[in-house]
């Protein structure tokens, strides 16, 4: 895919909800086959999770379109003050590190690229664009520990694995996740 033909655009939660059929289609295509294969129940749970996430403070979605068709998306939101995001680590993290103010950390919730467009730089372009205008000091994301190629990709992009946590909901697609951190959004080029 020629990246010059891809248009990246930002969308708020209301706009993301209006794009839902296209978002869901790309998500199913991206995570419906190995090595990411998810169960049908996980796709139903994505529907519920996403619509809740679209309403979070600081929500932003970057959509990638080629010839008008959605080829990928990435979205996230600001972690709220007092968030328990860092609380499930074993051993526990330093309280100063784990403190959330409602403006400190951007949580990258999803990054999905249609299989026809993978391994062409689209994921990195979307994530870079998603983080570019952010005012938070750092960003975090959760990654499936059973897909090491994806984890190595994040590390190449400057993310650091800070630990592993158990999923905080019974509907999570994995029982535990590896948590990554981009310590400084300003120095990352994002």
N, C-alpha and C. Protein backbone atom coordinates (compact mmCIF):
# COMPACT_ATOMS: atom_id res chain seq x y z
N UNK A 1 0.84 -1.17 0.00
CA UNK A 1 0.00 0.00 0.00
C UNK A 1 0.89 1.23 0.00
N UNK A 2 0.57 2.18 -0.84
CA UNK A 2 1.28 3.44 -0.90
C UNK A 2 0.74 4.34 0.20
N UNK A 3 1.57 4.66 1.19
CA UNK A 3 1.12 5.45 2.33
C UNK A 3 0.69 6.85 1.91
N UNK A 4 1.14 7.34 0.75
CA UNK A 4 0.70 8.66 0.31
C UNK A 4 -0.77 8.66 -0.09
N UNK A 5 -1.33 7.48 -0.29
CA UNK A 5 -2.75 7.37 -0.65
C UNK A 5 -3.65 7.22 0.58
N UNK A 6 -3.05 7.15 1.77
CA UNK A 6 -3.81 6.96 3.00
C UNK A 6 -4.09 8.31 3.64
N UNK A 7 -5.32 8.49 4.07
CA UNK A 7 -5.72 9.72 4.76
C UNK A 7 -5.99 9.36 6.22
N UNK A 8 -5.32 10.08 7.13
CA UNK A 8 -5.51 9.89 8.57
C UNK A 8 -6.34 11.05 9.10
N UNK A 9 -7.39 10.72 9.86
CA UNK A 9 -8.26 11.75 10.41
C UNK A 9 -8.58 11.44 11.87
N UNK A 10 -8.77 12.51 12.66
CA UNK A 10 -9.12 12.39 14.08
C UNK A 10 -10.64 12.44 14.23
N UNK A 11 -11.16 11.67 15.22
CA UNK A 11 -12.60 11.62 15.45
C UNK A 11 -12.88 11.58 16.95
N UNK A 12 -13.90 12.29 17.38
CA UNK A 12 -14.31 12.24 18.78
C UNK A 12 -15.21 11.01 19.00
N UNK A 13 -15.68 10.83 20.22
CA UNK A 13 -16.47 9.66 20.56
C UNK A 13 -17.77 9.54 19.79
N UNK A 14 -18.45 10.66 19.58
CA UNK A 14 -19.71 10.64 18.82
C UNK A 14 -19.45 10.20 17.39
N UNK A 15 -18.42 10.75 16.80
CA UNK A 15 -18.06 10.37 15.43
C UNK A 15 -17.63 8.91 15.34
N UNK A 16 -16.89 8.44 16.35
CA UNK A 16 -16.47 7.03 16.38
C UNK A 16 -17.70 6.12 16.42
N UNK A 17 -18.70 6.48 17.24
CA UNK A 17 -19.92 5.67 17.31
C UNK A 17 -20.62 5.62 15.96
N UNK A 18 -20.60 6.72 15.22
CA UNK A 18 -21.22 6.75 13.90
C UNK A 18 -20.46 5.88 12.90
N UNK A 19 -19.17 5.69 13.14
CA UNK A 19 -18.32 4.86 12.26
C UNK A 19 -18.33 3.39 12.68
N UNK A 20 -19.11 3.04 13.70
CA UNK A 20 -19.03 1.72 14.32
C UNK A 20 -19.04 0.55 13.34
N UNK A 21 -19.93 0.49 12.35
CA UNK A 21 -19.91 -0.69 11.47
C UNK A 21 -18.55 -0.90 10.79
N UNK A 22 -17.91 0.18 10.36
CA UNK A 22 -16.60 0.07 9.70
C UNK A 22 -15.51 -0.32 10.71
N UNK A 23 -15.57 0.28 11.90
CA UNK A 23 -14.60 -0.05 12.95
C UNK A 23 -14.69 -1.54 13.30
N UNK A 24 -15.91 -2.01 13.51
CA UNK A 24 -16.12 -3.41 13.87
C UNK A 24 -15.63 -4.36 12.78
N UNK A 25 -15.88 -4.01 11.53
CA UNK A 25 -15.43 -4.84 10.41
C UNK A 25 -13.90 -4.96 10.38
N UNK A 26 -13.20 -3.84 10.56
CA UNK A 26 -11.74 -3.87 10.56
C UNK A 26 -11.23 -4.65 11.77
N UNK A 27 -11.85 -4.45 12.93
CA UNK A 27 -11.45 -5.17 14.14
C UNK A 27 -11.58 -6.68 13.94
N UNK A 28 -12.71 -7.12 13.40
CA UNK A 28 -12.93 -8.56 13.16
C UNK A 28 -11.89 -9.11 12.19
N UNK A 29 -11.61 -8.35 11.14
CA UNK A 29 -10.61 -8.80 10.16
C UNK A 29 -9.22 -8.88 10.79
N UNK A 30 -8.87 -7.88 11.60
CA UNK A 30 -7.53 -7.81 12.19
C UNK A 30 -7.31 -8.88 13.26
N UNK A 31 -8.36 -9.18 14.04
CA UNK A 31 -8.19 -10.07 15.19
C UNK A 31 -8.95 -11.39 15.06
N UNK A 32 -9.42 -11.70 13.88
CA UNK A 32 -10.21 -12.90 13.69
C UNK A 32 -9.44 -14.10 13.16
N UNK A 33 -8.14 -13.96 13.04
CA UNK A 33 -7.34 -15.09 12.55
C UNK A 33 -5.98 -15.09 13.24
N UNK A 34 -5.27 -16.21 13.18
CA UNK A 34 -3.99 -16.32 13.87
C UNK A 34 -3.03 -15.21 13.42
N UNK A 35 -2.17 -14.71 14.30
CA UNK A 35 -1.94 -15.18 15.66
C UNK A 35 -2.86 -14.51 16.69
N UNK A 36 -3.80 -13.70 16.23
CA UNK A 36 -4.64 -12.93 17.15
C UNK A 36 -6.01 -13.55 17.39
N UNK A 37 -6.28 -14.71 16.88
CA UNK A 37 -7.63 -15.28 16.88
C UNK A 37 -8.34 -15.10 18.21
N UNK A 38 -9.50 -14.48 18.13
CA UNK A 38 -10.32 -14.28 19.31
C UNK A 38 -11.61 -15.07 19.16
N UNK A 39 -12.20 -15.42 20.27
CA UNK A 39 -13.47 -16.14 20.27
C UNK A 39 -14.60 -15.18 19.91
N UNK A 40 -15.69 -15.74 19.45
CA UNK A 40 -16.86 -14.93 19.07
C UNK A 40 -17.32 -14.06 20.23
N UNK A 41 -17.26 -14.57 21.43
CA UNK A 41 -17.67 -13.80 22.61
C UNK A 41 -16.80 -12.55 22.77
N UNK A 42 -15.51 -12.65 22.43
CA UNK A 42 -14.61 -11.50 22.53
C UNK A 42 -15.05 -10.38 21.59
N UNK A 43 -15.55 -10.73 20.43
CA UNK A 43 -16.02 -9.71 19.49
C UNK A 43 -17.28 -9.03 20.04
N UNK A 44 -18.16 -9.79 20.65
CA UNK A 44 -19.35 -9.18 21.26
C UNK A 44 -18.95 -8.26 22.41
N UNK A 45 -17.97 -8.68 23.20
CA UNK A 45 -17.50 -7.85 24.30
C UNK A 45 -16.82 -6.58 23.80
N UNK A 46 -16.16 -6.65 22.65
CA UNK A 46 -15.55 -5.46 22.07
C UNK A 46 -16.62 -4.40 21.79
N UNK A 47 -17.76 -4.82 21.33
CA UNK A 47 -18.86 -3.90 21.06
C UNK A 47 -19.21 -3.11 22.33
N UNK A 48 -19.40 -3.81 23.44
CA UNK A 48 -19.74 -3.14 24.70
C UNK A 48 -18.60 -2.25 25.20
N UNK A 49 -17.37 -2.78 25.19
CA UNK A 49 -16.22 -2.02 25.69
C UNK A 49 -16.02 -0.75 24.88
N UNK A 50 -16.05 -0.88 23.56
CA UNK A 50 -15.76 0.26 22.70
C UNK A 50 -16.73 1.41 22.93
N UNK A 51 -18.01 1.11 23.00
CA UNK A 51 -18.98 2.19 23.16
C UNK A 51 -18.84 2.89 24.52
N UNK A 52 -18.39 2.18 25.53
CA UNK A 52 -18.08 2.82 26.81
C UNK A 52 -16.83 3.67 26.68
N UNK A 53 -15.81 3.15 26.00
CA UNK A 53 -14.56 3.89 25.83
C UNK A 53 -14.75 5.15 24.99
N UNK A 54 -15.66 5.12 24.02
CA UNK A 54 -15.92 6.30 23.19
C UNK A 54 -16.38 7.49 24.03
N UNK A 55 -16.89 7.23 25.22
CA UNK A 55 -17.44 8.28 26.08
C UNK A 55 -16.44 8.79 27.12
N UNK A 56 -15.23 8.25 27.13
CA UNK A 56 -14.26 8.62 28.16
C UNK A 56 -13.64 10.00 27.90
N UNK A 57 -13.20 10.64 28.98
CA UNK A 57 -12.54 11.94 28.88
C UNK A 57 -11.27 11.82 28.04
N UNK A 58 -11.06 12.76 27.17
CA UNK A 58 -9.85 12.78 26.36
C UNK A 58 -9.86 11.78 25.21
N UNK A 59 -11.03 11.20 24.89
CA UNK A 59 -11.10 10.20 23.83
C UNK A 59 -10.69 10.80 22.48
N UNK A 60 -9.95 10.03 21.71
CA UNK A 60 -9.60 10.39 20.33
C UNK A 60 -9.43 9.10 19.55
N UNK A 61 -9.86 9.12 18.30
CA UNK A 61 -9.69 7.99 17.38
C UNK A 61 -9.06 8.52 16.11
N UNK A 62 -8.03 7.85 15.65
CA UNK A 62 -7.43 8.15 14.35
C UNK A 62 -7.85 7.04 13.41
N UNK A 63 -8.50 7.45 12.31
CA UNK A 63 -8.93 6.50 11.28
C UNK A 63 -8.01 6.63 10.08
N UNK A 64 -7.70 5.48 9.48
CA UNK A 64 -6.92 5.46 8.24
C UNK A 64 -7.85 5.01 7.12
N UNK A 65 -7.91 5.81 6.09
CA UNK A 65 -8.76 5.47 4.94
C UNK A 65 -7.95 5.53 3.67
N UNK A 66 -8.24 4.57 2.80
CA UNK A 66 -7.67 4.57 1.45
C UNK A 66 -8.84 4.42 0.50
N UNK A 67 -8.94 5.33 -0.44
CA UNK A 67 -10.06 5.34 -1.39
C UNK A 67 -11.40 5.32 -0.65
N UNK A 68 -11.46 6.00 0.49
CA UNK A 68 -12.70 6.11 1.26
C UNK A 68 -12.99 4.94 2.19
N UNK A 69 -12.27 3.84 2.04
CA UNK A 69 -12.53 2.65 2.88
C UNK A 69 -11.64 2.67 4.12
N UNK A 70 -12.22 2.33 5.27
CA UNK A 70 -11.44 2.25 6.51
C UNK A 70 -10.48 1.07 6.41
N UNK A 71 -9.19 1.35 6.60
CA UNK A 71 -8.17 0.30 6.54
C UNK A 71 -7.54 0.05 7.91
N UNK A 72 -7.79 0.96 8.86
CA UNK A 72 -7.25 0.79 10.19
C UNK A 72 -7.72 1.90 11.11
N UNK A 73 -7.52 1.69 12.41
CA UNK A 73 -7.87 2.71 13.39
C UNK A 73 -7.06 2.49 14.65
N UNK A 74 -6.91 3.56 15.39
CA UNK A 74 -6.30 3.51 16.72
C UNK A 74 -7.04 4.51 17.58
N UNK A 75 -7.33 4.11 18.82
CA UNK A 75 -7.99 5.06 19.70
C UNK A 75 -7.57 4.87 21.14
N UNK A 76 -7.89 5.89 21.92
CA UNK A 76 -7.59 5.84 23.34
C UNK A 76 -8.23 7.00 24.06
N UNK A 77 -7.90 7.10 25.34
CA UNK A 77 -8.44 8.18 26.17
C UNK A 77 -7.50 8.41 27.35
N UNK A 78 -7.71 9.51 28.03
CA UNK A 78 -6.91 9.85 29.21
C UNK A 78 -7.34 8.97 30.38
N UNK A 79 -6.36 8.45 31.13
CA UNK A 79 -6.69 7.71 32.34
C UNK A 79 -7.25 8.70 33.38
N UNK A 80 -8.37 8.36 34.01
CA UNK A 80 -8.96 9.28 34.98
C UNK A 80 -8.15 9.37 36.28
N UNK A 81 -8.38 10.45 36.99
CA UNK A 81 -7.76 10.63 38.31
C UNK A 81 -8.13 9.44 39.20
N UNK A 82 -7.13 8.92 39.90
CA UNK A 82 -7.37 7.79 40.78
C UNK A 82 -7.56 6.46 40.06
N UNK A 83 -7.24 6.40 38.78
CA UNK A 83 -7.40 5.17 38.01
C UNK A 83 -6.68 4.00 38.68
N UNK A 84 -7.26 2.83 38.55
CA UNK A 84 -6.63 1.63 39.11
C UNK A 84 -5.73 0.92 38.08
N UNK A 85 -5.48 1.58 36.95
CA UNK A 85 -4.69 0.98 35.87
C UNK A 85 -3.38 0.36 36.37
N UNK A 86 -2.67 1.04 37.23
CA UNK A 86 -1.35 0.57 37.69
C UNK A 86 -1.43 -0.27 38.96
N UNK A 87 -2.61 -0.49 39.50
CA UNK A 87 -2.75 -1.11 40.82
C UNK A 87 -2.65 -2.63 40.82
N UNK A 88 -2.76 -3.28 39.69
CA UNK A 88 -2.80 -4.74 39.67
C UNK A 88 -1.42 -5.37 39.43
N UNK A 89 -0.37 -4.58 39.49
CA UNK A 89 0.98 -5.11 39.27
C UNK A 89 1.44 -5.90 40.49
N UNK A 90 2.20 -6.95 40.23
CA UNK A 90 2.78 -7.74 41.30
C UNK A 90 4.26 -7.92 40.97
N UNK A 91 5.17 -7.35 41.73
CA UNK A 91 4.94 -6.55 42.92
C UNK A 91 4.40 -5.16 42.57
N UNK A 92 3.80 -4.49 43.54
CA UNK A 92 3.22 -3.18 43.29
C UNK A 92 4.27 -2.17 42.82
N UNK A 93 3.82 -1.21 42.04
CA UNK A 93 4.70 -0.15 41.54
C UNK A 93 4.82 0.97 42.58
N UNK A 94 5.83 1.78 42.41
CA UNK A 94 6.01 2.94 43.27
C UNK A 94 4.75 3.81 43.20
N UNK A 95 4.20 4.22 44.33
CA UNK A 95 2.96 5.02 44.33
C UNK A 95 3.06 6.30 43.50
N UNK A 96 4.22 6.93 43.46
CA UNK A 96 4.37 8.15 42.66
C UNK A 96 4.25 7.84 41.17
N UNK A 97 4.79 6.70 40.76
CA UNK A 97 4.68 6.29 39.37
C UNK A 97 3.23 5.97 39.01
N UNK A 98 2.52 5.34 39.93
CA UNK A 98 1.16 4.85 39.68
C UNK A 98 0.08 5.92 39.84
N UNK A 99 0.42 7.07 40.37
CA UNK A 99 -0.57 8.12 40.62
C UNK A 99 -1.09 8.71 39.30
N UNK A 100 -2.41 8.71 39.16
CA UNK A 100 -3.04 9.32 37.99
C UNK A 100 -3.80 10.58 38.42
N UNK A 101 -3.64 11.64 37.65
CA UNK A 101 -4.22 12.94 37.97
C UNK A 101 -5.41 13.28 37.08
N UNK A 102 -5.65 12.48 36.06
CA UNK A 102 -6.69 12.80 35.08
C UNK A 102 -6.13 13.55 33.89
N UNK A 103 -4.83 13.88 33.95
CA UNK A 103 -4.17 14.55 32.83
C UNK A 103 -2.77 13.98 32.56
N UNK A 104 -2.38 12.96 33.30
CA UNK A 104 -1.00 12.47 33.24
C UNK A 104 -0.74 11.44 32.14
N UNK A 105 -1.68 10.50 31.93
CA UNK A 105 -1.39 9.35 31.07
C UNK A 105 -2.50 9.15 30.03
N UNK A 106 -2.08 8.97 28.79
CA UNK A 106 -3.00 8.62 27.71
C UNK A 106 -2.94 7.11 27.54
N UNK A 107 -4.10 6.47 27.52
CA UNK A 107 -4.23 5.01 27.39
C UNK A 107 -4.61 4.68 25.95
N UNK A 108 -3.69 4.05 25.23
CA UNK A 108 -3.98 3.58 23.87
C UNK A 108 -4.75 2.28 24.01
N UNK A 109 -6.02 2.31 23.69
CA UNK A 109 -6.90 1.17 23.90
C UNK A 109 -6.81 0.17 22.75
N UNK A 110 -6.84 0.67 21.53
CA UNK A 110 -6.85 -0.22 20.36
C UNK A 110 -5.96 0.31 19.24
N UNK A 111 -5.37 -0.62 18.53
CA UNK A 111 -4.64 -0.37 17.29
C UNK A 111 -4.96 -1.55 16.40
N UNK A 112 -5.69 -1.30 15.32
CA UNK A 112 -6.11 -2.39 14.44
C UNK A 112 -5.88 -1.99 12.99
N UNK A 113 -5.26 -2.88 12.24
CA UNK A 113 -5.00 -2.67 10.82
C UNK A 113 -5.57 -3.85 10.06
N UNK A 114 -6.33 -3.57 9.02
CA UNK A 114 -6.89 -4.65 8.20
C UNK A 114 -5.73 -5.51 7.69
N UNK A 115 -5.89 -6.84 7.67
CA UNK A 115 -4.80 -7.72 7.24
C UNK A 115 -4.23 -7.39 5.86
N UNK A 116 -5.04 -6.88 4.95
CA UNK A 116 -4.55 -6.52 3.62
C UNK A 116 -3.57 -5.35 3.66
N UNK A 117 -3.54 -4.63 4.77
CA UNK A 117 -2.71 -3.42 4.87
C UNK A 117 -1.64 -3.52 5.95
N UNK A 118 -1.47 -4.69 6.55
CA UNK A 118 -0.48 -4.85 7.62
C UNK A 118 0.93 -4.91 7.05
N UNK A 119 1.88 -4.60 7.93
CA UNK A 119 3.32 -4.65 7.63
C UNK A 119 3.72 -3.66 6.53
N UNK A 120 3.02 -2.52 6.54
CA UNK A 120 3.33 -1.49 5.55
C UNK A 120 3.51 -0.11 6.19
N UNK A 121 3.58 -0.07 7.51
CA UNK A 121 3.81 1.17 8.22
C UNK A 121 2.55 1.89 8.67
N UNK A 122 1.39 1.33 8.39
CA UNK A 122 0.14 2.00 8.73
C UNK A 122 -0.09 2.06 10.24
N UNK A 123 0.18 0.98 10.96
CA UNK A 123 -0.02 0.98 12.40
C UNK A 123 0.83 2.04 13.08
N UNK A 124 2.10 2.12 12.72
CA UNK A 124 2.98 3.13 13.31
C UNK A 124 2.50 4.53 12.95
N UNK A 125 2.09 4.73 11.71
CA UNK A 125 1.61 6.06 11.29
C UNK A 125 0.37 6.47 12.09
N UNK A 126 -0.56 5.54 12.28
CA UNK A 126 -1.77 5.87 13.05
C UNK A 126 -1.44 6.16 14.50
N UNK A 127 -0.59 5.34 15.11
CA UNK A 127 -0.26 5.54 16.52
C UNK A 127 0.50 6.86 16.71
N UNK A 128 1.41 7.16 15.81
CA UNK A 128 2.14 8.43 15.87
C UNK A 128 1.17 9.60 15.77
N UNK A 129 0.22 9.52 14.85
CA UNK A 129 -0.76 10.60 14.68
C UNK A 129 -1.68 10.69 15.89
N UNK A 130 -2.06 9.56 16.47
CA UNK A 130 -2.91 9.57 17.65
C UNK A 130 -2.22 10.30 18.81
N UNK A 131 -0.93 10.06 18.99
CA UNK A 131 -0.20 10.63 20.12
C UNK A 131 0.32 12.05 19.85
N UNK A 132 0.45 12.43 18.59
CA UNK A 132 1.04 13.73 18.23
C UNK A 132 0.42 14.92 18.96
N UNK A 133 -0.89 15.07 19.01
CA UNK A 133 -1.45 16.27 19.66
C UNK A 133 -1.69 16.13 21.17
N UNK A 134 -1.36 15.01 21.75
CA UNK A 134 -1.69 14.77 23.16
C UNK A 134 -0.90 15.70 24.07
N UNK A 135 -1.50 16.08 25.18
CA UNK A 135 -0.85 16.94 26.17
C UNK A 135 -0.41 16.17 27.41
N UNK A 136 -0.80 14.89 27.52
CA UNK A 136 -0.37 14.08 28.65
C UNK A 136 1.15 13.90 28.59
N UNK A 137 1.75 13.55 29.73
CA UNK A 137 3.20 13.38 29.76
C UNK A 137 3.66 12.01 29.27
N UNK A 138 2.77 11.01 29.31
CA UNK A 138 3.16 9.66 28.94
C UNK A 138 1.95 8.92 28.36
N UNK A 139 2.24 7.75 27.78
CA UNK A 139 1.17 6.91 27.23
C UNK A 139 1.41 5.47 27.66
N UNK A 140 0.32 4.71 27.73
CA UNK A 140 0.41 3.30 28.11
C UNK A 140 -0.50 2.49 27.20
N UNK A 141 -0.22 1.21 27.11
CA UNK A 141 -1.08 0.27 26.38
C UNK A 141 -0.88 -1.12 26.92
N UNK A 142 -1.85 -1.97 26.67
CA UNK A 142 -1.78 -3.38 27.08
C UNK A 142 -1.61 -4.23 25.84
N UNK A 143 -0.77 -5.24 25.94
CA UNK A 143 -0.49 -6.11 24.79
C UNK A 143 -0.66 -7.57 25.19
N UNK A 144 -1.15 -8.35 24.25
CA UNK A 144 -1.31 -9.78 24.44
C UNK A 144 0.07 -10.43 24.58
N UNK A 145 0.36 -11.07 25.70
CA UNK A 145 1.68 -11.67 25.90
C UNK A 145 1.95 -12.87 25.00
N UNK A 146 0.92 -13.37 24.33
CA UNK A 146 1.09 -14.54 23.47
C UNK A 146 1.41 -14.18 22.03
N UNK A 147 1.62 -12.89 21.76
CA UNK A 147 1.95 -12.45 20.41
C UNK A 147 3.24 -11.63 20.49
N UNK A 148 4.39 -12.33 20.60
CA UNK A 148 5.67 -11.63 20.81
C UNK A 148 6.06 -10.71 19.65
N UNK A 149 5.64 -11.01 18.43
CA UNK A 149 5.98 -10.13 17.31
C UNK A 149 5.40 -8.74 17.51
N UNK A 150 4.19 -8.66 18.05
CA UNK A 150 3.57 -7.36 18.31
C UNK A 150 4.32 -6.65 19.42
N UNK A 151 4.73 -7.38 20.45
CA UNK A 151 5.47 -6.76 21.54
C UNK A 151 6.82 -6.23 21.04
N UNK A 152 7.50 -6.97 20.19
CA UNK A 152 8.77 -6.49 19.63
C UNK A 152 8.54 -5.24 18.78
N UNK A 153 7.40 -5.18 18.08
CA UNK A 153 7.06 -4.00 17.28
C UNK A 153 6.95 -2.77 18.19
N UNK A 154 6.23 -2.90 19.31
CA UNK A 154 6.10 -1.76 20.22
C UNK A 154 7.47 -1.34 20.76
N UNK A 155 8.31 -2.30 21.09
CA UNK A 155 9.64 -1.98 21.59
C UNK A 155 10.46 -1.25 20.53
N UNK A 156 10.37 -1.64 19.27
CA UNK A 156 11.06 -0.93 18.18
C UNK A 156 10.56 0.52 18.07
N UNK A 157 9.30 0.72 18.40
CA UNK A 157 8.71 2.06 18.32
C UNK A 157 8.98 2.89 19.56
N UNK A 158 9.77 2.37 20.52
CA UNK A 158 10.16 3.15 21.69
C UNK A 158 9.39 2.87 22.96
N UNK A 159 8.48 1.91 22.93
CA UNK A 159 7.70 1.57 24.13
C UNK A 159 8.52 0.62 25.00
N UNK A 160 8.30 0.69 26.30
CA UNK A 160 9.01 -0.15 27.27
C UNK A 160 8.00 -1.01 28.03
N UNK A 161 8.28 -2.31 28.11
CA UNK A 161 7.41 -3.19 28.90
C UNK A 161 7.70 -2.92 30.38
N UNK A 162 6.64 -2.60 31.15
CA UNK A 162 6.83 -2.29 32.56
C UNK A 162 6.28 -3.36 33.49
N UNK A 163 5.59 -4.35 32.94
CA UNK A 163 5.11 -5.44 33.78
C UNK A 163 3.91 -6.15 33.21
N UNK A 164 3.40 -7.07 33.98
CA UNK A 164 2.25 -7.89 33.59
C UNK A 164 1.18 -7.77 34.66
N UNK A 165 -0.08 -7.69 34.20
CA UNK A 165 -1.19 -7.59 35.13
C UNK A 165 -2.31 -8.54 34.72
N UNK A 166 -3.07 -8.94 35.72
CA UNK A 166 -4.27 -9.74 35.45
C UNK A 166 -5.33 -8.81 34.87
N UNK A 167 -6.16 -9.35 34.00
CA UNK A 167 -7.25 -8.57 33.43
C UNK A 167 -8.17 -8.11 34.55
N UNK A 168 -8.74 -6.93 34.38
CA UNK A 168 -9.59 -6.39 35.45
C UNK A 168 -11.07 -6.64 35.24
N UNK A 169 -11.43 -7.30 34.14
CA UNK A 169 -12.83 -7.64 33.90
C UNK A 169 -12.93 -9.07 33.38
N UNK A 170 -14.00 -9.76 33.69
CA UNK A 170 -14.16 -11.13 33.20
C UNK A 170 -14.38 -11.19 31.69
N UNK A 171 -14.71 -10.06 31.05
CA UNK A 171 -14.96 -10.07 29.61
C UNK A 171 -13.73 -9.68 28.80
N UNK A 172 -12.59 -9.47 29.45
CA UNK A 172 -11.36 -9.13 28.74
C UNK A 172 -10.97 -10.28 27.82
N UNK A 173 -10.38 -9.97 26.66
CA UNK A 173 -10.03 -11.04 25.71
C UNK A 173 -8.87 -11.92 26.16
N UNK A 174 -8.13 -11.51 27.19
CA UNK A 174 -7.01 -12.29 27.71
C UNK A 174 -7.11 -12.30 29.24
N UNK A 175 -6.61 -13.34 29.91
CA UNK A 175 -6.64 -13.35 31.37
C UNK A 175 -5.60 -12.41 31.99
N UNK A 176 -4.55 -12.08 31.22
CA UNK A 176 -3.55 -11.12 31.69
C UNK A 176 -2.94 -10.43 30.48
N UNK A 177 -2.30 -9.29 30.74
CA UNK A 177 -1.72 -8.47 29.68
C UNK A 177 -0.34 -7.98 30.11
N UNK A 178 0.52 -7.75 29.12
CA UNK A 178 1.78 -7.06 29.36
C UNK A 178 1.51 -5.58 29.13
N UNK A 179 1.99 -4.75 30.05
CA UNK A 179 1.74 -3.32 30.00
C UNK A 179 3.00 -2.61 29.50
N UNK A 180 2.80 -1.75 28.52
CA UNK A 180 3.89 -0.98 27.93
C UNK A 180 3.69 0.49 28.24
N UNK A 181 4.81 1.21 28.26
CA UNK A 181 4.79 2.63 28.57
C UNK A 181 5.68 3.39 27.59
N UNK A 182 5.19 4.52 27.14
CA UNK A 182 6.00 5.48 26.40
C UNK A 182 6.17 6.63 27.38
N UNK A 183 7.37 6.75 27.94
CA UNK A 183 7.59 7.63 29.09
C UNK A 183 7.40 9.11 28.79
N UNK A 184 7.74 9.54 27.62
CA UNK A 184 7.61 10.97 27.32
C UNK A 184 7.03 11.13 25.92
N UNK A 185 5.82 11.65 25.85
CA UNK A 185 5.21 11.86 24.54
C UNK A 185 5.95 12.93 23.77
N UNK A 186 6.53 13.89 24.44
CA UNK A 186 7.20 14.99 23.74
C UNK A 186 8.53 14.55 23.12
N UNK A 187 9.26 13.67 23.78
CA UNK A 187 10.57 13.27 23.24
C UNK A 187 10.46 12.10 22.28
N UNK A 188 9.27 11.51 22.16
CA UNK A 188 9.11 10.34 21.30
C UNK A 188 8.91 10.71 19.84
N UNK A 189 8.74 11.99 19.57
CA UNK A 189 8.44 12.39 18.20
C UNK A 189 6.97 12.28 17.91
N UNK A 190 6.19 11.87 18.90
CA UNK A 190 4.76 11.74 18.71
C UNK A 190 4.10 13.10 18.71
